Amino acid sequence: MIATVLGCGTSTGVPLIQCRCSVCRSRNARNKRLRASLWLQIRGKSILIDTATDLRQQALREKIARVDAVLYTHPHADHVHGIDELRSFNFLQQTSIPLYGNEWTCQELQKKFEYIFRPKPVEGGGIPELILHAFDPLVDEMEICGEKVIPLPLKHGSKQSVGYRIGSLAYLTDCSELPDLSRSRLEGLSVLILDCLRVTPHPTHLNLDGALQIISELKPEKAFLTHMGHDFDFGKLSRMLPKGLAPAHDGLRLRIPDPLK
């Protein structure tokens, strides 16, 4: 499996519009962060985790040729507002695309994108052809595109977002707390990609200390921080983190060992 970080930025992206801080003015390409999402290539299948606001730009950069399914973490704008870009993959593939999310996500998608999920007669360019599947994140596992996917309930402030484990990779963005059930599903990870918004505490996201604590408890072979704001300079953060832990960057490609071999 190859996992590609399409974006590792917070809801505003980095740089922020008109911000003059040193990170936002940095010439280091790894301080340029599109909205957070992940692309998985596994046994000939192409799976997105979230359709970030910047999906078109991300898909062009990474030359994504098809999308077989989308796993949603939650329905906040930065994670879903690229949904209309799936229309291009409908054109290419000549088929509908299945989407998966918890009940909160599916209800919000139906409200926010009524033109997709409760369509009226359309004139012009058409709408994405998408099939929405709600699931209970308390279930042990699901099969998506022939792969075992383990949902991971997460606390995102007062709401429940969802992380995902596929093989020995886990992707946990937008979380403020890791429930015991999810901890029990996260043993033996090769790679953990984990939320880390900023240095100071935040009510709906992990800060740096919180992320470091979870990583020390789960003990993955490697870990990467994502959903980062402009608190973090890539170079400075890289130098201060312990071995085996690094900030993600847009375009980061990770080859994940196949647990079946």
Protein backbone atom coordinates (compact mmCIF):
# COMPACT_ATOMS: atom_id res chain seq x y z
CA MET A 1 0.00 0.00 0.00
CA ILE A 2 1.15 3.52 -0.81
CA ALA A 3 -0.25 6.35 1.29
CA THR A 4 0.17 9.88 -0.06
CA VAL A 5 -0.50 12.93 2.11
CA LEU A 6 -2.54 15.17 -0.18
CA GLY A 7 -2.63 17.94 2.40
CA CYS A 8 -1.50 18.30 6.01
CA GLY A 9 -2.83 21.77 6.83
CA THR A 10 -5.55 23.07 9.09
CA SER A 11 -8.89 24.48 7.91
CA THR A 12 -7.37 27.74 6.65
CA GLY A 13 -4.43 26.12 4.93
CA VAL A 14 -0.92 27.50 5.34
CA PRO A 15 -0.06 30.24 4.52
CA LEU A 16 -3.13 31.99 5.90
CA ILE A 17 -4.53 34.76 3.77
CA GLN A 18 -2.57 37.96 4.45
CA CYS A 19 -0.68 36.52 7.44
CA ARG A 20 2.85 37.92 7.80
CA CYS A 21 4.27 35.43 10.31
CA SER A 22 7.57 33.71 9.51
CA VAL A 23 5.92 30.38 8.61
CA CYS A 24 3.37 31.95 6.28
CA ARG A 25 6.16 33.93 4.57
CA SER A 26 8.52 30.94 4.46
CA ARG A 27 10.07 29.88 1.14
CA ASN A 28 10.30 26.28 2.33
CA ALA A 29 7.81 24.32 0.22
CA ARG A 30 7.14 22.05 3.20
CA ASN A 31 5.58 24.99 5.02
CA LYS A 32 2.90 25.21 2.29
CA ARG A 33 0.00 23.10 3.55
CA LEU A 34 -3.24 22.37 1.71
CA ARG A 35 -6.26 21.10 3.62
CA ALA A 36 -5.83 17.68 5.26
CA SER A 37 -6.57 14.51 3.32
CA LEU A 38 -4.95 11.19 2.34
CA TRP A 39 -4.79 9.05 -0.82
CA LEU A 40 -4.37 5.29 -0.57
CA GLN A 41 -3.27 3.04 -3.43
CA ILE A 42 -3.74 -0.58 -2.45
CA ARG A 43 -3.83 -3.67 -4.66
CA GLY A 44 -4.98 -1.71 -7.69
CA LYS A 45 -7.61 0.32 -5.84
CA SER A 46 -7.61 4.08 -5.22
CA ILE A 47 -9.23 5.32 -2.00
CA LEU A 48 -9.47 8.87 -0.66
CA ILE A 49 -9.84 9.77 2.99
CA ASP A 50 -11.86 13.00 2.78
CA THR A 51 -12.49 15.29 -0.18
CA ALA A 52 -10.63 18.35 1.04
CA THR A 53 -11.35 21.86 -0.20
CA ASP A 54 -8.18 21.65 -2.33
CA LEU A 55 -8.95 18.26 -3.95
CA ARG A 56 -8.67 19.51 -7.53
CA GLN A 57 -5.21 20.95 -6.92
CA GLN A 58 -4.15 17.84 -4.99
CA ALA A 59 -5.41 15.44 -7.67
CA LEU A 60 -3.61 17.33 -10.43
CA ARG A 61 -0.37 17.45 -8.44
CA GLU A 62 -0.40 13.72 -7.65
CA LYS A 63 -1.88 12.66 -11.02
CA ILE A 64 -4.73 10.73 -9.40
CA ALA A 65 -6.31 8.77 -12.26
CA ARG A 66 -9.34 7.26 -10.53
CA VAL A 67 -11.21 7.15 -7.22
CA ASP A 68 -12.83 3.86 -6.20
CA ALA A 69 -14.18 5.01 -2.81
CA VAL A 70 -14.08 7.86 -0.31
CA LEU A 71 -13.87 7.42 3.47
CA TYR A 72 -15.00 10.49 5.39
CA THR A 73 -13.68 11.41 8.82
CA HIS A 74 -16.36 14.03 9.58
CA PRO A 75 -18.38 16.72 7.75
CA HIS A 76 -16.48 19.94 8.50
CA ALA A 77 -15.95 22.15 5.47
CA ASP A 78 -12.21 21.62 4.99
CA HIS A 79 -12.76 17.85 4.78
CA VAL A 80 -15.78 17.72 2.47
CA HIS A 81 -15.96 20.82 0.28
CA GLY A 82 -13.98 19.23 -2.55
CA ILE A 83 -16.81 16.75 -3.10
CA ASP A 84 -17.86 18.24 -6.43
CA GLU A 85 -14.43 17.40 -7.86
CA LEU A 86 -15.50 13.74 -7.81
CA ARG A 87 -17.59 14.58 -10.86
CA SER A 88 -14.41 14.52 -12.95
CA PHE A 89 -13.76 10.95 -11.84
CA ASN A 90 -17.34 10.01 -12.72
CA PHE A 91 -16.62 11.26 -16.25
CA LEU A 92 -13.36 9.29 -16.42
CA GLN A 93 -14.67 6.07 -14.89
CA GLN A 94 -18.24 6.12 -16.21
CA THR A 95 -19.51 4.85 -12.87
CA SER A 96 -20.76 6.13 -9.53
CA ILE A 97 -18.42 6.39 -6.52
CA PRO A 98 -19.31 5.05 -3.05
CA LEU A 99 -18.83 7.31 -0.02
CA TYR A 100 -18.63 6.09 3.59
CA GLY A 101 -19.17 8.03 6.80
CA ASN A 102 -20.79 7.92 10.22
CA GLU A 103 -24.39 9.07 10.72
CA TRP A 104 -23.39 12.66 11.53
CA THR A 105 -21.32 12.91 8.37
CA CYS A 106 -23.97 11.41 6.11
CA GLN A 107 -26.72 13.65 7.47
CA GLU A 108 -24.58 16.76 7.05
CA LEU A 109 -23.53 15.82 3.51
CA GLN A 110 -27.17 15.38 2.53
CA LYS A 111 -28.02 18.82 3.92
CA LYS A 112 -24.97 20.70 2.62
CA PHE A 113 -25.04 19.09 -0.82
CA GLU A 114 -28.73 18.60 -1.45
CA TYR A 115 -28.15 19.13 -5.17
CA ILE A 116 -26.12 15.88 -5.18
CA PHE A 117 -28.12 13.66 -2.86
CA ARG A 118 -31.66 14.99 -3.49
CA PRO A 119 -31.26 16.16 -7.06
CA LYS A 120 -33.79 18.09 -9.11
CA PRO A 121 -33.67 18.36 -12.91
CA VAL A 122 -30.25 19.73 -13.88
CA GLU A 123 -29.34 21.96 -16.80
CA GLY A 124 -25.72 22.22 -17.78
CA GLY A 125 -22.74 20.31 -16.47
CA GLY A 126 -24.47 17.74 -14.30
CA ILE A 127 -23.78 16.58 -10.76
CA PRO A 128 -21.48 13.99 -9.18
CA GLU A 129 -22.83 10.44 -9.14
CA LEU A 130 -22.22 9.35 -5.57
CA ILE A 131 -23.68 6.63 -3.35
CA LEU A 132 -23.69 7.43 0.36
CA HIS A 133 -23.21 4.63 2.91
CA ALA A 134 -23.66 5.34 6.63
CA PHE A 135 -21.91 3.04 9.10
CA ASP A 136 -21.64 2.63 12.85
CA PRO A 137 -18.00 3.29 13.85
CA LEU A 138 -18.41 0.88 16.77
CA VAL A 139 -18.41 -2.07 14.35
CA ASP A 140 -15.24 -4.13 14.35
CA GLU A 141 -14.48 -3.78 10.66
CA MET A 142 -15.86 -3.12 7.18
CA GLU A 143 -14.91 -4.37 3.73
CA ILE A 144 -14.37 -1.57 1.21
CA CYS A 145 -12.95 -2.23 -2.26
CA GLY A 146 -12.07 -5.72 -1.06
CA GLU A 147 -9.95 -4.38 1.82
CA LYS A 148 -10.52 -4.68 5.55
CA VAL A 149 -11.10 -1.21 7.01
CA ILE A 150 -11.28 -0.74 10.78
CA PRO A 151 -13.16 2.41 11.88
CA LEU A 152 -11.79 4.29 14.87
CA PRO A 153 -14.26 6.46 16.84
CA LEU A 154 -12.62 9.73 17.92
CA LYS A 155 -13.73 12.64 20.07
CA HIS A 156 -13.71 15.92 18.13
CA GLY A 157 -14.86 18.29 20.83
CA SER A 158 -18.52 17.39 21.49
CA LYS A 159 -18.79 15.47 18.21
CA GLN A 160 -17.56 12.08 17.04
CA SER A 161 -15.19 11.99 14.10
CA VAL A 162 -13.80 8.77 12.64
CA GLY A 163 -10.25 7.61 12.05
CA TYR A 164 -9.35 4.59 9.97
CA ARG A 165 -6.96 1.68 10.20
CA ILE A 166 -6.11 -0.18 7.00
CA GLY A 167 -3.47 -2.84 7.42
CA SER A 168 -0.70 -1.43 9.59
CA LEU A 169 -1.54 2.22 8.79
CA ALA A 170 -3.80 4.40 10.96
CA TYR A 171 -5.02 7.89 10.01
CA LEU A 172 -6.39 9.98 12.89
CA THR A 173 -7.11 13.57 12.03
CA ASP A 174 -9.39 16.08 13.80
CA CYS A 175 -9.50 14.60 17.26
CA SER A 176 -9.23 15.93 20.79
CA GLU A 177 -9.27 12.56 22.55
CA LEU A 178 -8.69 8.89 21.68
CA PRO A 179 -11.35 6.64 23.25
CA ASP A 180 -10.36 3.29 24.79
CA LEU A 181 -12.13 1.31 22.04
CA SER A 182 -9.99 2.95 19.39
CA ARG A 183 -6.81 2.46 21.42
CA SER A 184 -7.56 -1.27 21.48
CA ARG A 185 -7.66 -1.28 17.67
CA LEU A 186 -4.29 0.42 17.25
CA GLU A 187 -1.73 -2.15 18.31
CA GLY A 188 1.19 -3.04 16.05
CA LEU A 189 1.14 -0.03 13.73
CA SER A 190 3.81 0.53 11.13
CA VAL A 191 2.67 4.10 10.48
CA LEU A 192 0.45 6.47 12.45
CA ILE A 193 -0.64 9.81 10.96
CA LEU A 194 -2.03 11.93 13.79
CA ASP A 195 -3.78 15.27 14.31
CA CYS A 196 -1.63 18.08 15.77
CA LEU A 197 -3.12 21.52 15.28
CA ARG A 198 -0.86 23.80 17.29
CA VAL A 199 1.34 24.18 20.38
CA THR A 200 -1.25 25.47 22.84
CA PRO A 201 -4.33 23.43 23.89
CA HIS A 202 -7.42 23.49 21.67
CA PRO A 203 -10.98 22.31 22.50
CA THR A 204 -11.45 20.12 19.41
CA HIS A 205 -7.92 19.15 18.32
CA LEU A 206 -4.79 17.63 19.79
CA ASN A 207 -1.98 20.03 20.48
CA LEU A 208 1.68 19.03 20.31
CA ASP A 209 1.89 17.68 23.86
CA GLY A 210 -1.32 15.69 23.41
CA ALA A 211 -0.13 14.17 20.14
CA LEU A 212 3.25 13.25 21.64
CA GLN A 213 1.49 11.55 24.56
CA ILE A 214 -0.67 9.37 22.29
CA ILE A 215 2.30 8.44 20.12
CA SER A 216 4.30 7.41 23.19
CA GLU A 217 1.41 5.18 24.30
CA LEU A 218 0.70 3.54 20.93
CA LYS A 219 4.37 3.10 19.97
CA PRO A 220 4.03 2.92 16.16
CA GLU A 221 7.19 2.23 14.18
CA LYS A 222 6.84 5.67 12.56
CA ALA A 223 4.50 8.58 13.19
CA PHE A 224 3.69 11.77 11.30
CA LEU A 225 1.83 14.89 12.42
CA THR A 226 -0.93 16.35 10.26
CA HIS A 227 -3.63 19.05 10.26
CA MET A 228 -0.97 21.56 11.32
CA GLY A 229 -1.43 25.30 11.53
CA HIS A 230 1.12 28.05 11.17
CA ASP A 231 2.49 27.47 14.68
CA PHE A 232 4.81 24.92 13.13
CA ASP A 233 7.86 25.60 11.00
CA PHE A 234 8.71 22.33 9.24
CA GLY A 235 12.45 22.59 9.75
CA LYS A 236 12.34 23.64 13.40
CA LEU A 237 9.70 21.05 14.30
CA SER A 238 11.60 18.28 12.51
CA ARG A 239 14.73 19.00 14.54
CA MET A 240 12.95 18.96 17.91
CA LEU A 241 10.92 15.76 17.45
CA PRO A 242 12.23 12.37 18.64
CA LYS A 243 13.45 9.68 16.25
CA GLY A 244 10.63 7.97 14.37
CA LEU A 245 8.37 11.03 14.51
CA ALA A 246 8.19 13.80 11.92
CA PRO A 247 5.82 16.46 10.64
CA ALA A 248 4.00 15.40 7.49
CA HIS A 249 4.27 17.51 4.35
CA ASP A 250 2.09 17.78 1.28
CA GLY A 251 3.09 15.09 -1.20
CA LEU A 252 4.67 12.80 1.42
CA ARG A 253 4.54 9.22 0.08
CA LEU A 254 4.70 6.30 2.48
CA ARG A 255 5.07 2.66 1.50
CA ILE A 256 3.17 0.62 4.08
CA PRO A 257 4.16 -3.06 4.61
CA ASP A 258 1.49 -5.59 3.66
CA PRO A 259 0.44 -7.41 6.85
CA LEU A 260 -0.68 -10.40 4.75
CA LYS A 261 2.92 -11.15 3.71
